[in-house]
């Protein structure tokens, strides 16, 4: 990443009434129903909460297979320090690295969140 580029960040919201955090940004609180939510920037580090391995190419469209052909990949939930779980693609050299609440960091937000295992 060049000095002029900023690190990718996820944006959520926090309820003014009960403190519940939502991702993506929400207009109302899922916990208490209040409508006063403040935008927040979420942590870029978290832990793998659960995952699965996509071992076959998803339906196309919308999936666009890479020119080199399909390669299995992991998808799962990352729990951030704010207590919210984010569905994401999980990058790793070996799927076994994702076991046991592996620490991960955010690498991209578009088109979907992507996290990689922290060595």
Protein backbone atom coordinates (compact mmCIF):
# COMPACT_ATOMS: atom_id res chain seq x y z
CA UNK A 1 0.00 0.00 0.00
CA UNK A 2 1.41 3.37 -0.94
CA UNK A 3 1.68 6.22 1.60
CA UNK A 4 -1.25 8.03 -0.07
CA UNK A 5 -3.58 5.02 0.15
CA UNK A 6 -5.54 4.45 3.31
CA UNK A 7 -6.20 1.04 4.82
CA UNK A 8 -9.61 -0.45 4.02
CA UNK A 9 -12.19 0.14 6.75
CA UNK A 10 -15.67 -1.15 7.48
CA UNK A 11 -18.37 1.22 8.64
CA UNK A 12 -21.15 0.33 11.04
CA UNK A 13 -23.39 2.10 13.51
CA UNK A 14 -23.85 2.18 17.29
CA UNK A 15 -27.14 2.71 19.10
CA UNK A 16 -27.18 5.82 21.31
CA UNK A 17 -29.58 4.13 23.70
CA UNK A 18 -28.16 0.63 24.37
CA UNK A 19 -24.75 0.69 22.65
CA UNK A 20 -25.51 -2.21 20.27
CA UNK A 21 -23.28 -2.21 17.17
CA UNK A 22 -24.58 -3.08 13.70
CA UNK A 23 -22.90 -3.91 10.40
CA UNK A 24 -23.61 -2.66 7.84
CA UNK A 25 -24.81 0.79 8.93
CA UNK A 26 -28.38 0.56 10.25
CA UNK A 27 -31.14 3.16 10.64
CA UNK A 28 -32.54 1.50 13.76
CA UNK A 29 -31.31 -0.72 16.57
CA UNK A 30 -31.94 -4.46 16.26
CA UNK A 31 -31.70 -4.87 20.04
CA UNK A 32 -33.87 -2.09 21.52
CA UNK A 33 -35.69 -0.67 18.49
CA UNK A 34 -34.49 2.93 18.97
CA UNK A 35 -33.91 5.00 15.84
CA UNK A 36 -30.88 7.03 17.00
CA UNK A 37 -27.77 5.39 15.54
CA UNK A 38 -24.32 6.95 15.22
CA UNK A 39 -21.95 5.98 12.38
CA UNK A 40 -18.71 4.34 13.54
CA UNK A 41 -15.57 2.95 11.97
CA UNK A 42 -15.14 -0.73 12.88
CA UNK A 43 -11.97 -2.53 13.94
CA UNK A 44 -9.73 -3.87 11.20
CA UNK A 45 -8.71 -6.90 13.31
CA UNK A 46 -10.87 -9.73 14.57
CA UNK A 47 -11.08 -13.48 15.08
CA UNK A 48 -12.65 -16.19 12.95
CA UNK A 49 -15.94 -17.12 14.61
CA UNK A 50 -16.87 -19.87 12.15
CA UNK A 51 -16.19 -20.78 8.52
CA UNK A 52 -16.82 -23.19 5.68
CA UNK A 53 -14.94 -23.97 2.48
CA UNK A 54 -16.56 -23.32 -0.91
CA UNK A 55 -15.27 -26.34 -2.84
CA UNK A 56 -17.22 -25.85 -6.08
CA UNK A 57 -17.80 -22.81 -8.27
CA UNK A 58 -20.90 -20.84 -7.29
CA UNK A 59 -23.65 -20.24 -9.84
CA UNK A 60 -22.63 -17.90 -12.63
CA UNK A 61 -23.85 -15.19 -12.80
CA UNK A 62 -23.29 -13.51 -10.38
CA UNK A 63 -20.04 -15.42 -9.72
CA UNK A 64 -17.35 -14.79 -12.32
CA UNK A 65 -14.76 -17.57 -12.36
CA UNK A 66 -11.12 -16.44 -12.57
CA UNK A 67 -9.27 -16.91 -15.87
CA UNK A 68 -7.14 -19.64 -14.24
CA UNK A 69 -10.26 -21.55 -13.18
CA UNK A 70 -12.01 -22.04 -9.87
CA UNK A 71 -9.97 -22.48 -6.68
CA UNK A 72 -11.69 -23.43 -3.38
CA UNK A 73 -11.94 -20.58 -0.87
CA UNK A 74 -13.10 -20.04 2.71
CA UNK A 75 -16.06 -17.92 3.76
CA UNK A 76 -17.15 -17.28 7.30
CA UNK A 77 -17.81 -14.87 10.11
CA UNK A 78 -15.23 -12.63 11.74
CA UNK A 79 -16.01 -11.31 15.21
CA UNK A 80 -14.73 -7.78 15.77
CA UNK A 81 -13.91 -6.20 19.15
CA UNK A 82 -17.18 -4.24 18.95
CA UNK A 83 -19.02 -7.57 19.28
CA UNK A 84 -20.43 -7.60 15.75
CA UNK A 85 -19.86 -10.51 13.36
CA UNK A 86 -19.03 -9.74 9.73
CA UNK A 87 -19.53 -12.24 6.91
CA UNK A 88 -16.39 -12.30 4.76
CA UNK A 89 -14.06 -14.17 2.44
CA UNK A 90 -11.16 -15.55 4.49
CA UNK A 91 -7.72 -15.65 2.89
CA UNK A 92 -5.20 -18.24 4.09
CA UNK A 93 -2.50 -20.56 2.78
CA UNK A 94 -4.12 -23.61 4.39
CA UNK A 95 -7.73 -23.88 5.63
CA UNK A 96 -6.44 -25.40 8.90
CA UNK A 97 -5.08 -21.91 9.77
CA UNK A 98 -8.67 -20.77 10.31
CA UNK A 99 -9.36 -23.21 13.17
CA UNK A 100 -9.51 -22.13 16.80
CA UNK A 101 -10.62 -18.49 16.47
CA UNK A 102 -7.70 -17.52 14.24
CA UNK A 103 -6.70 -13.83 14.36
CA UNK A 104 -7.35 -12.01 11.07
CA UNK A 105 -7.08 -8.51 9.63
CA UNK A 106 -9.16 -6.68 7.05
CA UNK A 107 -7.60 -6.53 3.57
CA UNK A 108 -10.50 -5.33 1.38
CA UNK A 109 -14.10 -4.15 1.60
CA UNK A 110 -15.17 -4.31 -2.06
CA UNK A 111 -17.02 -6.21 -3.45
CA UNK A 112 -17.27 -8.04 -0.09
CA UNK A 113 -15.21 -7.86 3.10
CA UNK A 114 -12.01 -9.93 2.96
CA UNK A 115 -9.81 -10.82 5.92
CA UNK A 116 -6.46 -12.62 5.97
CA UNK A 117 -4.92 -14.72 8.70
CA UNK A 118 -2.40 -12.82 10.82
CA UNK A 119 0.83 -14.79 11.19
